[in-house]
Amino acid sequence: MNLLLRNVRPGGGDPTDVLVRDGRIAGFGPTDADVPVEEGGGALLLPGLVDAHCHIDKTLWGLPWVPNTSGSVLADRISNEQRRRKEFGLPSPEPAAALLDAMIANGTSFVRTHTDVDPELGLSGIEAVREAAARHRGRVTVEQVAFPQGGLLTRPGTLELLERAVASGVENVGGIDPAGYDRDPRGHLDAIFDIAARHGCGVDLHLHDEGPLGAWEIELIIERTKALGLAGKVAIGHAFGICGIPDAQQDRLIEGLAEQQITLTTAAVYDRPVPPLAKMRAAGANAACGNDGIRDLWGPYGDGDMLTRTMHLAYRSSFRTDPEIELALHAATYGGAKALRLKDYGLQIGDHADFFLVDAVYPAEAVVSHPPRRLVVKGGAVVSRR
């Protein structure tokens, strides 16, 4: 947990040395401290990446290639997965742990994963993810969302299982398309927020509904966050409804999100809308980023590399200048840290020594080229080398 990095560029700044003591950044510049030394070679130093939205319980990582058989709409993909998951022994700690290993090697320090909970699975997925995370204790921090992938109110028994999951220590309770999929937006949201209010956990909902319907559901989420005093503890995944609406309505929603410190988390998936990062940042609203599904029964894509995902987000946002591209990187670092309510995250003295080195000079360059990570440090300990 004690370390000296020589000749690195924190955040793209001037080359310097970074001293780590007891797992935290202790100073910058020359020092004669008697600690292990790592030569940085002028590499760029960035804070540990935060995957704020993924599904490691579903992954087929490390297994032989599986031709995708999912349909073209959400319900088809859900039913395809539920039908075939037993065929591959899912959920299982082995592929989840293998994926975490790849994520660590690519500089990810923190993961929020949405784990399926339903009457067929019970809490087996929760336990599989816990075991996978335990195998990498000290290398990555993993938190879960108890997620009703197949519906909440439409699947009797699921709500009780979500409550059991949270009572067992799961950090967040989730939901899915309260209107478009579960067909009872107020009842769905009331149930989720009731669990959060009573247990003190976070809320992280999937919201694929687009247009006016999705925008209205975002309004309902803002209202409940404010009424229950859950500011800073709520995230909305995908949130396609923030796009494709009149500018004035979008501005009001972003203002409400900023006021209640609600995070919008995007994975910039396929051709689906991405949040207006520049407008949100200017208004003080938080955006985070995640890989979503990685090599699973939903789709064959993904490699667990958050820098690659950040590049997709920047590209989909039509970002070209370095400051614009750094907005996408902010979502994958500081924005994700805020969503996960992390303390002492970053590259300042006193922050936890969770960071990585990459052969680049500028942060935007690292996003666009996303080269192999040269060195990954977690809690002041080297956890991966190129």
Protein backbone atom coordinates (compact mmCIF):
# COMPACT_ATOMS: atom_id res chain seq x y z
CA MET A 1 0.00 0.00 0.00
CA ASN A 2 3.11 2.23 -0.14
CA LEU A 3 4.41 3.14 -3.57
CA LEU A 4 6.27 5.77 -5.55
CA LEU A 5 5.35 6.37 -9.19
CA ARG A 6 8.13 8.17 -11.00
CA ASN A 7 7.63 10.41 -14.03
CA VAL A 8 3.88 10.27 -14.62
CA ARG A 9 1.37 12.85 -15.85
CA PRO A 10 -1.60 13.04 -13.44
CA GLY A 11 -4.71 13.89 -15.44
CA GLY A 12 -2.53 15.00 -18.36
CA GLY A 13 -0.57 17.58 -16.37
CA ASP A 14 3.17 18.08 -16.18
CA PRO A 15 5.35 15.04 -15.41
CA THR A 16 5.91 14.47 -11.70
CA ASP A 17 6.32 11.76 -9.10
CA VAL A 18 3.40 10.48 -7.04
CA LEU A 19 3.91 9.14 -3.51
CA VAL A 20 1.40 6.69 -2.06
CA ARG A 21 1.28 5.86 1.66
CA ASP A 22 -1.21 3.57 3.36
CA GLY A 23 -3.23 3.29 0.17
CA ARG A 24 -3.72 7.02 -0.35
CA ILE A 25 -2.01 9.69 -2.42
CA ALA A 26 0.42 11.37 -0.03
CA GLY A 27 2.28 13.84 -2.21
CA PHE A 28 3.65 14.94 -5.57
CA GLY A 29 7.18 15.73 -6.63
CA PRO A 30 10.66 14.46 -5.73
CA THR A 31 10.98 12.46 -2.51
CA ASP A 32 13.50 10.19 -0.83
CA ALA A 33 10.81 8.00 0.72
CA ASP A 34 11.90 4.41 1.17
CA VAL A 35 9.03 2.69 -0.66
CA PRO A 36 8.75 0.43 -3.73
CA VAL A 37 9.25 2.37 -6.97
CA GLU A 38 7.47 2.04 -10.30
CA GLU A 39 8.86 3.88 -13.31
CA GLY A 40 6.10 5.65 -15.23
CA GLY A 41 8.04 6.63 -18.33
CA GLY A 42 5.97 9.80 -18.78
CA ALA A 43 2.70 7.84 -19.03
CA LEU A 44 -0.69 9.40 -18.38
CA LEU A 45 -2.12 8.77 -14.91
CA LEU A 46 -5.93 8.59 -14.69
CA PRO A 47 -8.23 7.75 -11.78
CA GLY A 48 -9.64 4.22 -11.68
CA LEU A 49 -12.48 3.73 -14.14
CA VAL A 50 -16.01 3.28 -12.81
CA ASP A 51 -18.37 0.88 -14.59
CA ALA A 52 -21.62 2.22 -13.19
CA HIS A 53 -23.97 -0.05 -15.14
CA CYS A 54 -23.21 -3.64 -16.13
CA HIS A 55 -24.58 -7.19 -15.76
CA ILE A 56 -21.76 -9.54 -14.80
CA ASP A 57 -24.22 -12.21 -13.61
CA LYS A 58 -25.31 -12.70 -17.25
CA THR A 59 -21.91 -12.85 -18.92
CA LEU A 60 -20.62 -15.77 -20.98
CA TRP A 61 -17.05 -14.45 -20.68
CA GLY A 62 -14.46 -17.21 -21.00
CA LEU A 63 -16.97 -19.71 -22.41
CA PRO A 64 -16.98 -20.88 -26.05
CA TRP A 65 -18.67 -18.55 -28.53
CA VAL A 66 -22.47 -18.64 -28.35
CA PRO A 67 -24.37 -17.54 -31.49
CA ASN A 68 -26.92 -14.95 -30.46
CA THR A 69 -30.59 -15.95 -30.62
CA SER A 70 -32.25 -12.94 -28.99
CA GLY A 71 -35.11 -11.11 -30.66
CA SER A 72 -35.40 -7.51 -31.74
CA VAL A 73 -37.51 -6.14 -28.88
CA LEU A 74 -36.98 -5.99 -25.12
CA ALA A 75 -39.49 -8.69 -24.22
CA ASP A 76 -37.89 -11.11 -26.72
CA ARG A 77 -34.44 -10.56 -25.25
CA ILE A 78 -35.69 -11.09 -21.71
CA SER A 79 -37.53 -14.31 -22.58
CA ASN A 80 -34.57 -15.62 -24.61
CA GLU A 81 -32.26 -15.17 -21.67
CA GLN A 82 -34.65 -16.72 -19.17
CA ARG A 83 -35.14 -19.68 -21.48
CA ARG A 84 -31.43 -20.34 -22.12
CA ARG A 85 -29.58 -19.31 -18.96
CA LYS A 86 -29.75 -22.81 -17.42
CA GLU A 87 -28.18 -24.19 -20.59
CA PHE A 88 -24.97 -22.35 -19.66
CA GLY A 89 -25.20 -22.77 -15.90
CA LEU A 90 -26.01 -19.11 -15.27
CA PRO A 91 -25.73 -17.38 -12.94
CA SER A 92 -22.26 -18.68 -12.09
CA PRO A 93 -19.29 -17.12 -10.30
CA GLU A 94 -16.78 -18.48 -12.85
CA PRO A 95 -17.61 -16.33 -15.91
CA ALA A 96 -18.40 -13.36 -13.66
CA ALA A 97 -14.99 -13.64 -11.98
CA ALA A 98 -13.28 -14.05 -15.37
CA LEU A 99 -14.95 -10.88 -16.62
CA LEU A 100 -13.94 -8.98 -13.48
CA ASP A 101 -10.35 -10.02 -14.12
CA ALA A 102 -10.52 -8.50 -17.62
CA MET A 103 -12.11 -5.34 -16.26
CA ILE A 104 -9.36 -4.96 -13.66
CA ALA A 105 -6.66 -5.38 -16.30
CA ASN A 106 -8.31 -2.53 -18.23
CA GLY A 107 -8.17 -0.13 -15.29
CA THR A 108 -11.64 -0.49 -13.78
CA SER A 109 -11.55 0.02 -10.01
CA PHE A 110 -15.28 0.15 -9.22
CA VAL A 111 -18.24 -1.81 -10.60
CA ARG A 112 -21.98 -1.48 -10.08
CA THR A 113 -23.66 -4.56 -11.50
CA HIS A 114 -27.38 -5.19 -11.91
CA THR A 115 -28.10 -8.74 -10.77
CA ASP A 116 -31.29 -10.55 -11.79
CA VAL A 117 -33.68 -11.44 -8.99
CA ASP A 118 -36.86 -13.39 -9.78
CA PRO A 119 -38.90 -16.30 -8.38
CA GLU A 120 -37.02 -18.82 -10.52
CA LEU A 121 -33.54 -17.66 -9.51
CA GLY A 122 -34.24 -16.45 -6.01
CA LEU A 123 -31.04 -14.81 -4.76
CA SER A 124 -28.68 -17.25 -6.49
CA GLY A 125 -27.39 -14.52 -8.80
CA ILE A 126 -26.66 -12.27 -5.84
CA GLU A 127 -24.60 -15.02 -4.22
CA ALA A 128 -22.77 -15.84 -7.48
CA VAL A 129 -21.71 -12.22 -7.89
CA ARG A 130 -20.64 -12.03 -4.26
CA GLU A 131 -18.41 -15.05 -4.74
CA ALA A 132 -16.94 -13.65 -7.95
CA ALA A 133 -16.22 -10.35 -6.22
CA ALA A 134 -14.65 -12.14 -3.25
CA ARG A 135 -12.15 -13.80 -5.59
CA HIS A 136 -10.93 -10.33 -6.54
CA ARG A 137 -11.09 -8.72 -3.10
CA GLY A 138 -8.59 -5.88 -2.96
CA ARG A 139 -8.39 -5.65 -6.76
CA VAL A 140 -11.82 -4.15 -7.53
CA THR A 141 -14.81 -2.89 -5.54
CA VAL A 142 -18.13 -4.43 -6.60
CA GLU A 143 -21.60 -3.36 -5.54
CA GLN A 144 -24.91 -4.78 -6.71
CA VAL A 145 -28.38 -3.69 -7.72
CA ALA A 146 -31.16 -6.19 -7.02
CA PHE A 147 -32.75 -6.10 -10.47
CA PRO A 148 -36.21 -7.39 -11.51
CA GLN A 149 -35.26 -8.05 -15.14
CA GLY A 150 -38.46 -9.95 -15.94
CA GLY A 151 -40.79 -7.44 -14.33
CA LEU A 152 -41.69 -6.45 -10.78
CA LEU A 153 -45.42 -6.23 -10.14
CA THR A 154 -46.14 -8.52 -13.10
CA ARG A 155 -44.14 -11.35 -11.47
CA PRO A 156 -45.59 -12.19 -8.04
CA GLY A 157 -42.93 -12.83 -5.44
CA THR A 158 -40.29 -10.62 -7.06
CA LEU A 159 -40.91 -7.62 -4.82
CA GLU A 160 -40.41 -9.75 -1.70
CA LEU A 161 -37.15 -11.09 -3.14
CA LEU A 162 -35.88 -7.57 -3.78
CA GLU A 163 -36.55 -6.74 -0.16
CA ARG A 164 -34.69 -9.87 0.96
CA ALA A 165 -31.75 -8.98 -1.25
CA VAL A 166 -31.48 -5.48 0.19
CA ALA A 167 -31.89 -6.81 3.73
CA SER A 168 -28.98 -9.19 3.05
CA GLY A 169 -26.68 -6.28 2.22
CA VAL A 170 -27.26 -5.52 -1.47
CA GLU A 171 -26.51 -1.83 -1.87
CA ASN A 172 -29.25 -0.81 -4.33
CA VAL A 173 -32.75 -1.74 -5.42
CA GLY A 174 -33.65 -1.64 -9.11
CA GLY A 175 -36.61 -1.52 -11.43
CA ILE A 176 -37.40 -1.76 -15.13
CA ASP A 177 -39.63 0.38 -17.34
CA PRO A 178 -42.41 1.03 -14.81
CA ALA A 179 -44.79 2.00 -17.62
CA GLY A 180 -43.60 0.34 -20.81
CA TYR A 181 -42.84 -3.08 -19.35
CA ASP A 182 -44.50 -3.36 -15.94
CA ARG A 183 -47.59 -1.34 -17.00
CA ASP A 184 -48.02 0.35 -13.61
CA PRO A 185 -45.63 3.28 -13.33
CA ARG A 186 -46.86 4.70 -10.04
CA GLY A 187 -47.24 1.32 -8.36
CA HIS A 188 -43.84 0.15 -9.58
CA LEU A 189 -42.01 3.29 -8.46
CA ASP A 190 -43.85 3.45 -5.13
CA ALA A 191 -42.77 -0.12 -4.36
CA ILE A 192 -39.11 0.49 -5.25
CA PHE A 193 -38.82 3.78 -3.42
CA ASP A 194 -40.56 2.34 -0.37
CA ILE A 195 -37.83 -0.31 -0.08
CA ALA A 196 -35.13 2.34 -0.47
CA ALA A 197 -36.69 4.64 2.12
CA ARG A 198 -37.05 1.88 4.70
CA HIS A 199 -33.65 0.25 4.18
CA GLY A 200 -31.55 3.29 3.34
CA CYS A 201 -30.27 1.75 0.10
CA GLY A 202 -29.82 3.39 -3.27
CA VAL A 203 -32.20 3.22 -6.25
CA ASP A 204 -30.99 2.41 -9.77
CA LEU A 205 -33.69 1.85 -12.39
CA HIS A 206 -33.55 0.77 -16.01
CA LEU A 207 -35.65 3.15 -18.10
CA HIS A 208 -35.81 2.27 -21.80
CA ASP A 209 -39.12 4.07 -22.46
CA GLU A 210 -38.59 6.88 -24.94
CA GLY A 211 -40.27 10.16 -25.79
CA PRO A 212 -43.04 11.71 -23.68
CA LEU A 213 -43.66 8.46 -21.77
CA GLY A 214 -40.03 8.16 -20.66
CA ALA A 215 -39.86 11.88 -19.86
CA TRP A 216 -42.96 11.60 -17.66
CA GLU A 217 -41.42 8.66 -15.79
CA ILE A 218 -38.30 10.72 -15.15
CA GLU A 219 -40.57 13.37 -13.64
CA LEU A 220 -42.13 10.75 -11.36
CA ILE A 221 -38.68 9.61 -10.25
CA ILE A 222 -37.62 13.18 -9.48
CA GLU A 223 -40.81 13.72 -7.45
CA ARG A 224 -40.28 10.60 -5.34
CA THR A 225 -36.61 11.31 -4.79
CA LYS A 226 -37.48 14.72 -3.42
CA ALA A 227 -40.44 13.56 -1.34
CA LEU A 228 -38.44 10.80 0.39
CA GLY A 229 -35.21 12.74 0.87
CA LEU A 230 -33.18 10.41 -1.35
CA ALA A 231 -31.16 13.09 -3.13
CA GLY A 232 -27.82 11.72 -4.29
CA LYS A 233 -28.94 8.10 -3.95
CA VAL A 234 -30.87 7.60 -7.20
CA ALA A 235 -29.69 6.69 -10.70
CA ILE A 236 -31.59 6.11 -13.94
CA GLY A 237 -29.99 3.74 -16.42
CA HIS A 238 -30.32 4.45 -20.16
CA ALA A 239 -32.94 7.19 -19.63
CA PHE A 240 -33.75 7.40 -23.32
CA GLY A 241 -36.71 9.64 -22.46
CA ILE A 242 -34.39 12.58 -21.77
CA CYS A 243 -33.92 12.84 -25.54
CA GLY A 244 -36.37 13.51 -28.36
CA ILE A 245 -38.50 15.94 -26.33
CA PRO A 246 -38.86 19.74 -26.62
CA ASP A 247 -35.85 21.70 -25.39
CA ALA A 248 -37.82 23.49 -22.69
CA GLN A 249 -39.06 20.19 -21.25
CA GLN A 250 -35.58 18.69 -21.41
CA ASP A 251 -34.16 21.72 -19.60
CA ARG A 252 -36.75 21.36 -16.80
CA LEU A 253 -35.93 17.68 -16.38
CA ILE A 254 -32.20 18.34 -16.26
CA GLU A 255 -32.78 21.06 -13.67
CA GLY A 256 -34.76 18.60 -11.54
CA LEU A 257 -32.08 15.93 -11.92
CA ALA A 258 -29.40 18.39 -10.83
CA GLU A 259 -31.41 19.59 -7.86
CA GLN A 260 -31.97 16.03 -6.58
CA GLN A 261 -28.48 14.82 -7.61
CA ILE A 262 -29.98 12.04 -9.72
CA THR A 263 -27.50 10.38 -12.06
CA LEU A 264 -28.28 9.41 -15.64
CA THR A 265 -26.16 6.39 -16.60
CA THR A 266 -25.58 5.59 -20.24
CA ALA A 267 -23.84 2.78 -22.10
CA ALA A 268 -24.19 4.43 -25.53
CA VAL A 269 -25.65 1.17 -26.81
CA TYR A 270 -26.29 0.55 -30.50
CA ASP A 271 -28.32 3.42 -31.99
CA ARG A 272 -30.26 4.32 -28.83
CA PRO A 273 -30.23 7.93 -27.56
CA VAL A 274 -27.42 9.17 -25.34
CA PRO A 275 -27.95 11.89 -22.71
CA PRO A 276 -26.91 15.46 -23.61
CA LEU A 277 -23.66 15.40 -21.62
CA ALA A 278 -22.62 18.98 -22.31
CA LYS A 279 -25.98 20.43 -21.34
CA MET A 280 -26.14 18.26 -18.22
CA ARG A 281 -22.62 19.22 -17.12
CA ALA A 282 -23.38 22.92 -17.60
CA ALA A 283 -26.50 22.56 -15.43
CA GLY A 284 -24.72 20.60 -12.70
CA ALA A 285 -26.50 17.30 -13.45
CA ASN A 286 -24.50 14.10 -13.15
CA ALA A 287 -23.88 11.57 -15.92
CA ALA A 288 -22.16 8.21 -15.52
CA CYS A 289 -21.23 5.44 -17.93
CA GLY A 290 -21.18 1.65 -17.98
CA ASN A 291 -20.65 -1.30 -20.31
CA ASP A 292 -24.18 -2.72 -19.86
CA GLY A 293 -24.25 -6.34 -21.14
CA ILE A 294 -20.90 -7.91 -21.97
CA ARG A 295 -20.78 -11.05 -24.15
CA ASP A 296 -24.08 -12.50 -22.94
CA LEU A 297 -27.37 -13.89 -24.22
CA TRP A 298 -28.55 -10.36 -24.99
CA GLY A 299 -25.73 -9.63 -27.41
CA PRO A 300 -22.25 -10.78 -28.44
CA TYR A 301 -20.47 -7.44 -27.99
CA GLY A 302 -18.33 -5.96 -25.23
CA ASP A 303 -14.92 -6.54 -23.69
CA GLY A 304 -15.19 -4.93 -20.25
CA ASP A 305 -12.90 -2.03 -21.22
CA MET A 306 -14.39 1.22 -19.97
CA LEU A 307 -12.01 3.31 -22.09
CA THR A 308 -13.44 1.62 -25.18
CA ARG A 309 -16.94 2.27 -23.89
CA THR A 310 -16.00 5.90 -23.23
CA MET A 311 -14.85 6.19 -26.84
CA HIS A 312 -18.26 4.90 -27.97
CA LEU A 313 -19.97 7.50 -25.79
CA ALA A 314 -17.82 10.32 -27.17
CA TYR A 315 -18.33 9.14 -30.76
CA ARG A 316 -22.11 8.75 -30.35
CA SER A 317 -22.18 12.26 -28.85
CA SER A 318 -20.38 13.65 -31.93
CA PHE A 319 -17.56 14.91 -29.72
CA ARG A 320 -14.41 15.94 -31.57
CA THR A 321 -12.50 18.45 -29.44
CA ASP A 322 -10.46 17.37 -26.43
CA PRO A 323 -12.72 19.18 -23.91
CA GLU A 324 -15.76 17.45 -25.40
CA ILE A 325 -14.14 14.02 -25.33
CA GLU A 326 -13.14 14.64 -21.71
CA LEU A 327 -16.86 15.06 -20.89
CA ALA A 328 -17.29 11.39 -21.81
CA LEU A 329 -14.23 10.44 -19.74
CA HIS A 330 -15.66 12.38 -16.79
CA ALA A 331 -18.78 10.20 -16.96
CA ALA A 332 -16.60 7.06 -16.77
CA THR A 333 -14.60 8.38 -13.81
CA TYR A 334 -15.83 11.21 -11.59
CA GLY A 335 -19.45 10.92 -12.74
CA GLY A 336 -19.47 7.22 -11.92
CA ALA A 337 -17.80 7.91 -8.58
CA LYS A 338 -20.57 10.35 -7.71
CA ALA A 339 -23.23 7.84 -8.75
CA LEU A 340 -21.67 5.20 -6.47
CA ARG A 341 -21.28 7.77 -3.68
CA LEU A 342 -17.54 7.16 -3.43
CA LYS A 343 -15.53 9.24 -1.01
CA ASP A 344 -11.97 10.50 -1.57
CA TYR A 345 -11.95 9.50 -5.23
CA GLY A 346 -9.58 11.18 -7.66
CA LEU A 347 -6.01 12.35 -8.04
CA GLN A 348 -5.63 14.78 -5.16
CA ILE A 349 -3.61 14.40 -1.96
CA GLY A 350 -5.65 12.28 0.44
CA ASP A 351 -7.59 10.45 -2.27
CA HIS A 352 -7.52 6.67 -2.40
CA ALA A 353 -4.73 5.41 -4.64
CA ASP A 354 -7.00 3.83 -7.26
CA PHE A 355 -5.60 4.72 -10.67
CA PHE A 356 -3.96 3.41 -13.82
CA LEU A 357 -1.20 4.32 -16.25
CA VAL A 358 -1.66 4.39 -20.00
CA ASP A 359 0.74 5.32 -22.78
CA ALA A 360 -0.76 8.64 -23.85
CA VAL A 361 -0.09 12.32 -23.25
CA TYR A 362 -3.64 13.68 -23.24
CA PRO A 363 -6.82 12.23 -21.66
CA ALA A 364 -8.70 12.55 -24.96
CA GLU A 365 -5.91 10.63 -26.67
CA ALA A 366 -6.33 7.78 -24.18
CA VAL A 367 -10.07 7.66 -24.91
CA VAL A 368 -9.69 7.63 -28.68
CA SER A 369 -6.79 5.15 -28.84
CA HIS A 370 -7.61 3.20 -25.64
CA PRO A 371 -4.24 1.41 -25.60
CA PRO A 372 -3.42 -1.42 -23.16
CA ARG A 373 -3.14 -0.30 -19.57
CA ARG A 374 0.49 -0.10 -18.53
CA LEU A 375 -0.10 -0.42 -14.77
CA VAL A 376 -3.24 -0.65 -12.61
CA VAL A 377 -3.17 0.27 -8.91
CA LYS A 378 -5.92 -0.34 -6.37
CA GLY A 379 -5.59 0.87 -2.81
CA GLY A 380 -1.92 1.59 -3.38
CA ALA A 381 -1.16 -1.96 -4.56
CA VAL A 382 -0.28 -2.96 -8.11
CA VAL A 383 -3.07 -5.28 -9.25
CA SER A 384 -2.30 -5.60 -12.96
CA ARG A 385 0.52 -4.98 -15.41
CA ARG A 386 0.52 -4.88 -19.17
